[in-house]
Protein backbone atom coordinates (compact mmCIF):
# COMPACT_ATOMS: atom_id res chain seq x y z
CA MET A 1 -7.15 -8.42 25.25
CA ARG A 2 -6.60 -4.66 25.74
CA LYS A 3 -2.99 -5.04 24.57
CA ALA A 4 -4.11 -6.97 21.49
CA LEU A 5 -6.71 -4.34 20.63
CA ARG A 6 -4.16 -1.55 20.98
CA LEU A 7 -1.75 -3.34 18.66
CA PHE A 8 -4.52 -3.93 16.14
CA PHE A 9 -5.31 -0.22 16.21
CA ILE A 10 -1.66 0.74 15.64
CA LEU A 11 -1.28 -1.67 12.72
CA ALA A 12 -4.54 -0.48 11.20
CA LEU A 13 -3.24 3.08 11.28
CA ALA A 14 0.01 1.94 9.72
CA THR A 15 -1.81 0.43 6.78
CA ILE A 16 -4.64 2.95 6.29
CA PRO A 17 -3.06 6.41 6.59
CA ALA A 18 -6.11 8.29 5.34
CA LEU A 19 -8.10 7.41 8.46
CA LEU A 20 -6.43 10.24 10.38
CA SER A 21 -5.31 12.61 7.68
CA ALA A 22 -5.93 15.85 9.56
CA HIS A 23 -2.47 15.88 11.10
CA PRO A 24 0.51 13.53 11.43
CA HIS A 25 0.31 10.53 13.73
CA MET A 26 3.63 9.01 12.77
CA PHE A 27 7.04 10.61 12.22
CA LEU A 28 9.94 9.33 10.20
CA THR A 29 13.10 10.54 8.50
CA SER A 30 13.94 9.48 4.97
CA THR A 31 17.36 9.28 3.35
CA ALA A 32 18.17 8.46 -0.26
CA GLU A 33 21.20 6.86 -1.90
CA PHE A 34 21.26 7.19 -5.70
CA VAL A 35 23.39 4.59 -7.44
CA TRP A 36 24.93 4.72 -10.92
CA GLU A 37 26.33 1.81 -12.91
CA LYS A 38 28.94 3.52 -15.06
CA GLU A 39 27.02 6.36 -16.75
CA LYS A 40 23.53 4.95 -16.10
CA LEU A 41 21.38 5.76 -13.08
CA SER A 42 20.40 2.38 -11.68
CA GLY A 43 18.12 3.34 -8.85
CA CYS A 44 17.75 4.69 -5.35
CA TRP A 45 18.00 3.10 -1.93
CA ILE A 46 15.42 4.60 0.42
CA GLU A 47 15.87 4.24 4.17
CA TRP A 48 13.26 5.28 6.72
CA THR A 49 13.85 5.64 10.45
CA PHE A 50 10.66 5.73 12.52
CA ASP A 51 9.76 7.59 15.70
CA GLN A 52 10.23 5.75 18.97
CA PHE A 53 6.53 5.21 19.64
CA PHE A 54 5.66 3.55 16.34
CA SER A 55 8.96 1.65 16.51
CA ALA A 56 8.13 0.26 19.95
CA ASP A 57 4.79 -1.12 18.80
CA ILE A 58 6.12 -2.74 15.63
CA ILE A 59 9.17 -4.16 17.40
CA GLN A 60 6.93 -5.63 20.07
CA ALA A 61 4.71 -7.15 17.39
CA TYR A 62 7.38 -8.65 15.13
CA ASP A 63 10.58 -9.20 17.14
CA ALA A 64 9.12 -12.45 18.38
CA ASP A 65 12.24 -13.68 20.20
CA GLY A 66 12.98 -10.24 21.68
CA ASN A 67 16.64 -10.29 20.64
CA GLY A 68 16.64 -6.73 19.28
CA ARG A 69 16.86 -7.60 15.59
CA PHE A 70 14.65 -9.02 12.87
CA SER A 71 15.45 -12.47 11.53
CA ALA A 72 14.70 -13.31 7.89
CA GLU A 73 11.32 -14.72 8.90
CA GLU A 74 10.52 -11.74 11.13
CA THR A 75 11.50 -9.38 8.29
CA ARG A 76 9.13 -11.25 5.99
CA GLN A 77 6.35 -10.73 8.51
CA VAL A 78 7.17 -7.01 8.82
CA TYR A 79 7.05 -6.75 5.03
CA ASN A 80 3.67 -8.47 4.77
CA GLY A 81 2.10 -6.97 7.87
CA ALA A 82 3.43 -3.43 8.14
CA PHE A 83 4.91 -2.41 4.77
CA ILE A 84 3.42 -3.89 1.60
CA ASN A 85 0.09 -2.05 1.90
CA LEU A 86 2.05 1.10 1.13
CA LYS A 87 1.92 0.05 -2.52
CA ASN A 88 -1.59 1.54 -2.39
CA TYR A 89 0.00 4.84 -1.40
CA TYR A 90 2.79 4.70 -3.99
CA TYR A 91 5.36 3.87 -1.30
CA PHE A 92 5.24 7.62 -0.54
CA THR A 93 7.65 7.96 -3.49
CA PHE A 94 7.16 10.44 -6.34
CA ILE A 95 9.34 10.83 -9.43
CA ARG A 96 9.30 13.67 -11.93
CA GLN A 97 11.16 14.31 -15.17
CA GLY A 98 10.00 17.53 -16.77
CA LYS A 99 6.21 17.44 -16.70
CA ASN A 100 6.06 13.65 -16.49
CA ARG A 101 5.20 12.52 -12.97
CA THR A 102 5.25 8.85 -11.99
CA ASN A 103 5.39 6.52 -9.00
CA PRO A 104 7.16 3.18 -8.64
CA SER A 105 4.82 0.26 -9.32
CA SER A 106 6.93 -1.89 -7.02
CA VAL A 107 10.05 -1.80 -4.88
CA THR A 108 12.62 -4.53 -4.19
CA LYS A 109 15.30 -5.66 -1.72
CA PHE A 110 13.26 -4.77 1.35
CA SER A 111 14.94 -5.11 4.72
CA ALA A 112 14.09 -3.97 8.23
CA GLY A 113 16.08 -3.56 11.41
CA ILE A 114 16.41 -1.94 14.80
CA ARG A 115 18.95 0.76 15.59
CA ASN A 116 19.05 2.60 18.93
CA GLN A 117 15.60 1.18 19.72
CA LYS A 118 14.17 2.69 16.54
CA MET A 119 12.96 0.69 13.60
CA TRP A 120 14.18 1.26 10.06
CA TYR A 121 13.06 0.10 6.61
CA ARG A 122 15.33 -0.02 3.58
CA PHE A 123 14.24 -0.75 -0.01
CA PHE A 124 15.30 -0.13 -3.59
CA VAL A 125 13.49 1.92 -6.25
CA ASP A 126 14.40 1.08 -9.85
CA LEU A 127 15.26 4.20 -11.89
CA SER A 128 17.01 2.45 -14.77
CA LYS A 129 14.43 3.62 -17.32
CA SER A 130 14.85 7.31 -16.49
CA ALA A 131 16.40 9.59 -19.08
CA PRO A 132 19.72 11.32 -18.31
CA GLY A 133 19.70 15.00 -17.48
CA GLU A 134 17.55 15.99 -14.51
CA LEU A 135 15.44 13.81 -12.27
CA CYS A 136 13.35 14.96 -9.33
CA PHE A 137 12.62 12.52 -6.54
CA ALA A 138 10.42 13.21 -3.53
CA VAL A 139 9.30 11.20 -0.52
CA TYR A 140 6.19 12.38 1.31
CA ASP A 141 2.81 11.21 2.55
CA TYR A 142 0.16 13.23 0.75
CA THR A 143 -2.51 11.97 3.21
CA PHE A 144 -0.54 13.66 6.02
CA PHE A 145 -0.90 10.71 8.36
CA CYS A 146 2.91 10.48 8.35
CA ASP A 147 5.26 13.42 8.79
CA ILE A 148 8.22 12.51 6.57
CA ARG A 149 11.35 14.66 6.68
CA TYR A 150 14.83 14.57 5.22
CA PRO A 151 17.44 14.74 7.98
CA ASP A 152 19.58 17.86 8.23
CA ALA A 153 22.79 15.81 8.05
CA ALA A 154 23.48 13.68 4.96
CA PRO A 155 19.96 13.38 3.55
CA VAL A 156 21.28 12.24 0.15
CA LYS A 157 24.21 10.09 -0.96
CA LEU A 158 25.42 9.80 -4.56
CA THR A 159 27.28 6.58 -5.39
CA PHE A 160 29.02 6.75 -8.76
CA ASP A 161 32.25 6.39 -10.69
CA PRO A 162 33.52 9.89 -11.61
CA ALA A 163 35.17 8.44 -14.71
CA PHE A 164 31.67 7.99 -16.17
CA VAL A 165 29.36 10.54 -14.55
CA LYS A 166 29.51 13.49 -12.15
CA PRO A 167 26.05 14.06 -10.66
CA SER A 168 24.97 16.71 -8.20
CA TYR A 169 21.82 17.36 -6.17
CA GLN A 170 19.88 19.98 -4.31
CA ILE A 171 16.67 19.80 -2.28
CA VAL A 172 14.07 22.26 -3.52
CA GLU A 173 10.49 23.01 -2.52
CA ASN A 174 8.81 22.91 -5.90
CA LYS A 175 6.04 25.48 -6.26
CA GLU A 176 5.74 24.93 -10.00
CA TYR A 177 4.47 21.36 -9.65
CA PRO A 178 2.19 21.23 -6.59
CA VAL A 179 0.02 18.30 -5.61
CA TYR A 180 -3.45 18.55 -4.13
CA TYR A 181 -5.26 16.48 -1.55
CA ASN A 182 -8.75 16.13 -0.21
CA PRO A 183 -8.75 16.74 3.57
CA LEU A 184 -12.24 15.25 3.81
CA GLY A 185 -11.57 12.20 1.63
CA ALA A 186 -12.82 8.75 2.56
CA ALA A 187 -10.52 6.32 4.36
CA ASP A 188 -9.87 4.42 1.13
CA ASP A 189 -9.26 7.54 -1.00
CA ASN A 190 -5.62 7.29 -2.10
CA THR A 191 -6.02 9.65 -5.07
CA VAL A 192 -3.16 11.99 -5.94
CA TYR A 193 -4.55 15.12 -7.56
CA TYR A 194 -2.32 17.06 -9.95
CA THR A 195 -5.10 19.50 -10.94
CA TRP A 196 -6.82 21.69 -8.38
CA LYS A 197 -10.52 21.16 -7.78
CA LYS A 198 -12.89 22.81 -5.34
CA GLY A 199 -12.32 21.53 -1.82
CA LEU A 200 -8.74 20.40 -2.38
CA GLN A 201 -5.76 21.78 -0.49
CA THR A 202 -2.28 22.39 -1.86
CA TYR A 203 1.04 20.79 -1.00
CA TYR A 204 4.43 21.73 -2.44
CA PRO A 205 6.78 18.70 -2.49
CA ARG A 206 10.37 19.03 -1.34
CA GLU A 207 12.14 17.38 -4.25
CA ILE A 208 15.62 15.91 -4.38
CA ARG A 209 16.72 17.33 -7.72
CA ILE A 210 19.42 15.17 -9.33
CA THR A 211 21.38 16.58 -12.28
CA TYR A 212 23.66 14.37 -14.33
CA ALA A 213 24.63 13.66 -17.93
CA ASN A 214 26.17 10.72 -19.75
């Protein structure tokens, strides 16, 4: 019973980040692979690698046969039990072109696995409707339950045909487009504030700034 209660607590935290927003309780690294089809930006593959403690709990919960990998059915259960609620938190994914700031309404091609005893998620964000020029892409948890970082080595990959497009990127802390959050918000408050109000605190996203032209 104690083991079951502990697992319930861990999964509850995984799906309701705002419960403990004062400081991070989960750590993960996030990489991005931007993919072009000829001259058009198709989308971005996001891959997250979780800390060993969260990984251990989720692996114990969903690797039912204990073989060190997720089958198709186990992956489906991970998706439904430990991932899909992130749609309420915009999949921690934020897109900006100029002053226009958006979030993906959905993601596709989800997969999960285990590497060196750490769990990873991989999913695809559709960017096919973005305009050519400059696109800024950031991954962060504005509730601060999760500490999300880009790794020092190879945080971004650009997959393209140089005969059609020659993109480049840089990672920039953007102080011109901050976001604000309510440190005393209710557990179900998933609001992203783009205008400062009394009581809100400021966060400057670290954006992956992609530049390309057709």
